[in-house]
C-alpha cells in the first residue's frame, strides 16, 4: 500500500475499552474494522473531541456519521425552493370538480367500500 500523501496521515483508532474490541458487539451491532486516511487537522479534532467527551474515537466517528447522514437526508434550501415552484405551478392545473360532483364521487367510493370494494374481474364481466 502506498504511503499517505504529503500533509495526510493514516489514522489509527485508539484501542477500545475491554469488551469493546474488534468484532465485538458495540450497541448490539457487530463492528467491522475499517481504515481511512484523514488529514492531520481532522485526526487532531477527532482525538481532542474523543478526549473531551470521554468516548472512544470510533464512537465519535459513528456518531458524527449518524448526525451527518440525518442532515443529508433533509432537503436543502435550493431543493425545497425548486420543489415548491413545481408545486405552485402544478396545483392550479388540477381540475376542480363542482362540490356536488365531489360529494357524489365520495359517496360512491364509500358505498363501494361498504360493499366489499371492487369485485374480482371474473365477477364484474357478467
Protein backbone atom coordinates (compact mmCIF):
# COMPACT_ATOMS: atom_id res chain seq x y z
CA UNK A 1 0.00 0.00 0.00
CA UNK A 2 1.32 3.46 -0.90
CA UNK A 3 2.15 5.87 1.93
CA UNK A 4 -0.32 8.71 2.61
CA UNK A 5 0.08 11.88 0.54
CA UNK A 6 2.03 14.81 1.94
CA UNK A 7 0.04 16.54 4.67
CA UNK A 8 -2.05 13.42 5.25
CA UNK A 9 -1.70 10.80 7.93
CA UNK A 10 -3.11 7.35 8.27
CA UNK A 11 -5.45 7.49 11.26
CA UNK A 12 -5.44 4.59 13.63
CA UNK A 13 -8.33 4.45 16.06
CA UNK A 14 -7.23 4.20 19.68
CA UNK A 15 -7.88 0.88 21.44
CA UNK A 16 -11.39 0.44 22.77
CA UNK A 17 -12.15 -0.43 26.40
CA UNK A 18 -12.09 -4.13 27.35
CA UNK A 19 -15.05 -5.95 25.80
CA UNK A 20 -15.41 -3.40 23.00
CA UNK A 21 -12.69 -4.60 20.66
CA UNK A 22 -12.74 -5.56 17.01
CA UNK A 23 -15.67 -7.79 16.15
CA UNK A 24 -17.42 -7.27 19.48
CA UNK A 25 -20.95 -6.10 19.89
CA UNK A 26 -20.99 -2.32 20.35
CA UNK A 27 -24.51 -1.09 20.95
CA UNK A 28 -25.80 -4.53 19.86
CA UNK A 29 -24.35 -4.12 16.36
CA UNK A 30 -21.39 -6.12 15.08
CA UNK A 31 -18.44 -3.87 14.39
CA UNK A 32 -16.19 -4.00 11.37
CA UNK A 33 -12.63 -2.72 11.29
CA UNK A 34 -12.03 -0.16 8.52
CA UNK A 35 -9.16 2.15 7.58
CA UNK A 36 -9.48 5.77 6.46
CA UNK A 37 -6.85 8.29 5.51
CA UNK A 38 -7.53 11.65 7.15
CA UNK A 39 -5.61 14.91 7.16
CA UNK A 40 -3.74 15.76 10.37
CA UNK A 41 -6.14 18.53 11.36
CA UNK A 42 -9.13 16.14 11.21
CA UNK A 43 -7.27 13.50 13.23
CA UNK A 44 -6.38 16.13 15.85
CA UNK A 45 -10.01 17.25 16.10
CA UNK A 46 -11.15 13.64 16.39
CA UNK A 47 -8.68 12.91 19.19
CA UNK A 48 -9.48 16.18 21.03
CA UNK A 49 -13.22 15.55 20.76
CA UNK A 50 -12.93 11.94 21.94
CA UNK A 51 -10.82 13.01 24.96
CA UNK A 52 -13.20 15.86 25.84
CA UNK A 53 -16.27 13.62 25.61
CA UNK A 54 -14.54 10.63 27.27
CA UNK A 55 -15.59 8.43 24.35
CA UNK A 56 -13.63 6.11 22.07
CA UNK A 57 -12.63 7.72 18.77
CA UNK A 58 -14.59 5.08 16.88
CA UNK A 59 -17.76 6.07 18.75
CA UNK A 60 -17.17 9.76 17.95
CA UNK A 61 -16.82 8.81 14.27
CA UNK A 62 -20.01 6.66 14.34
CA UNK A 63 -21.98 9.46 15.99
CA UNK A 64 -20.62 12.04 13.53
CA UNK A 65 -21.60 9.85 10.57
CA UNK A 66 -25.09 9.28 12.00
CA UNK A 67 -25.53 13.05 12.51
CA UNK A 68 -24.25 13.84 9.01
CA UNK A 69 -26.50 11.19 7.41
CA UNK A 70 -29.56 12.57 9.23
CA UNK A 71 -28.82 16.09 7.95
CA UNK A 72 -28.03 14.84 4.43
CA UNK A 73 -31.46 13.19 4.21
CA UNK A 74 -33.22 16.57 4.62
CA UNK A 75 -33.95 18.82 1.67
CA UNK A 76 -31.63 21.76 1.22
CA UNK A 77 -32.97 25.29 0.74
CA UNK A 78 -32.42 25.25 -3.03
CA UNK A 79 -34.07 21.86 -3.49
CA UNK A 80 -37.00 22.89 -1.28
CA UNK A 81 -37.49 26.10 -3.32
CA UNK A 82 -37.34 24.16 -6.60
CA UNK A 83 -39.97 21.64 -5.42
CA UNK A 84 -42.24 24.41 -4.13
CA UNK A 85 -42.02 26.14 -7.52
CA UNK A 86 -43.13 22.89 -9.20
CA UNK A 87 -45.94 22.54 -6.68
CA UNK A 88 -47.10 26.13 -7.23
CA UNK A 89 -47.07 25.55 -11.00
CA UNK A 90 -48.88 22.19 -10.92
CA UNK A 91 -51.60 22.79 -8.31
CA UNK A 92 -53.56 25.26 -10.46
CA UNK A 93 -53.61 22.64 -13.25
CA UNK A 94 -55.58 20.19 -11.08
CA UNK A 95 -59.15 20.23 -12.42
CA UNK A 96 -61.71 21.37 -9.88
CA UNK A 97 -64.95 19.44 -9.50
CA UNK A 98 -68.14 21.19 -8.52
CA UNK A 99 -68.88 20.46 -4.84
CA UNK A 100 -71.94 18.34 -5.71
CA UNK A 101 -69.88 16.14 -8.07
CA UNK A 102 -67.14 15.72 -5.46
CA UNK A 103 -69.73 14.69 -2.82
CA UNK A 104 -71.31 12.19 -5.24
CA UNK A 105 -67.89 10.69 -6.06
CA UNK A 106 -67.05 10.42 -2.35
CA UNK A 107 -70.38 8.72 -1.58
CA UNK A 108 -69.86 6.25 -4.45
CA UNK A 109 -66.42 5.34 -3.06
CA UNK A 110 -67.84 4.86 0.44
CA UNK A 111 -70.65 2.66 -0.88
CA UNK A 112 -68.15 0.55 -2.82
CA UNK A 113 -66.03 0.09 0.31
CA UNK A 114 -69.05 -0.90 2.39
CA UNK A 115 -69.97 -3.44 -0.29
CA UNK A 116 -66.51 -5.02 -0.11
CA UNK A 117 -64.66 -2.86 -2.58
CA UNK A 118 -64.19 -3.77 -6.21
CA UNK A 119 -65.42 -7.11 -7.36
CA UNK A 120 -62.90 -9.54 -8.84
CA UNK A 121 -62.56 -9.23 -12.63
CA UNK A 122 -64.29 -12.59 -13.24
CA UNK A 123 -67.43 -11.44 -11.38
CA UNK A 124 -67.58 -7.99 -12.98
CA UNK A 125 -67.51 -9.35 -16.56
CA UNK A 126 -71.01 -10.93 -16.20
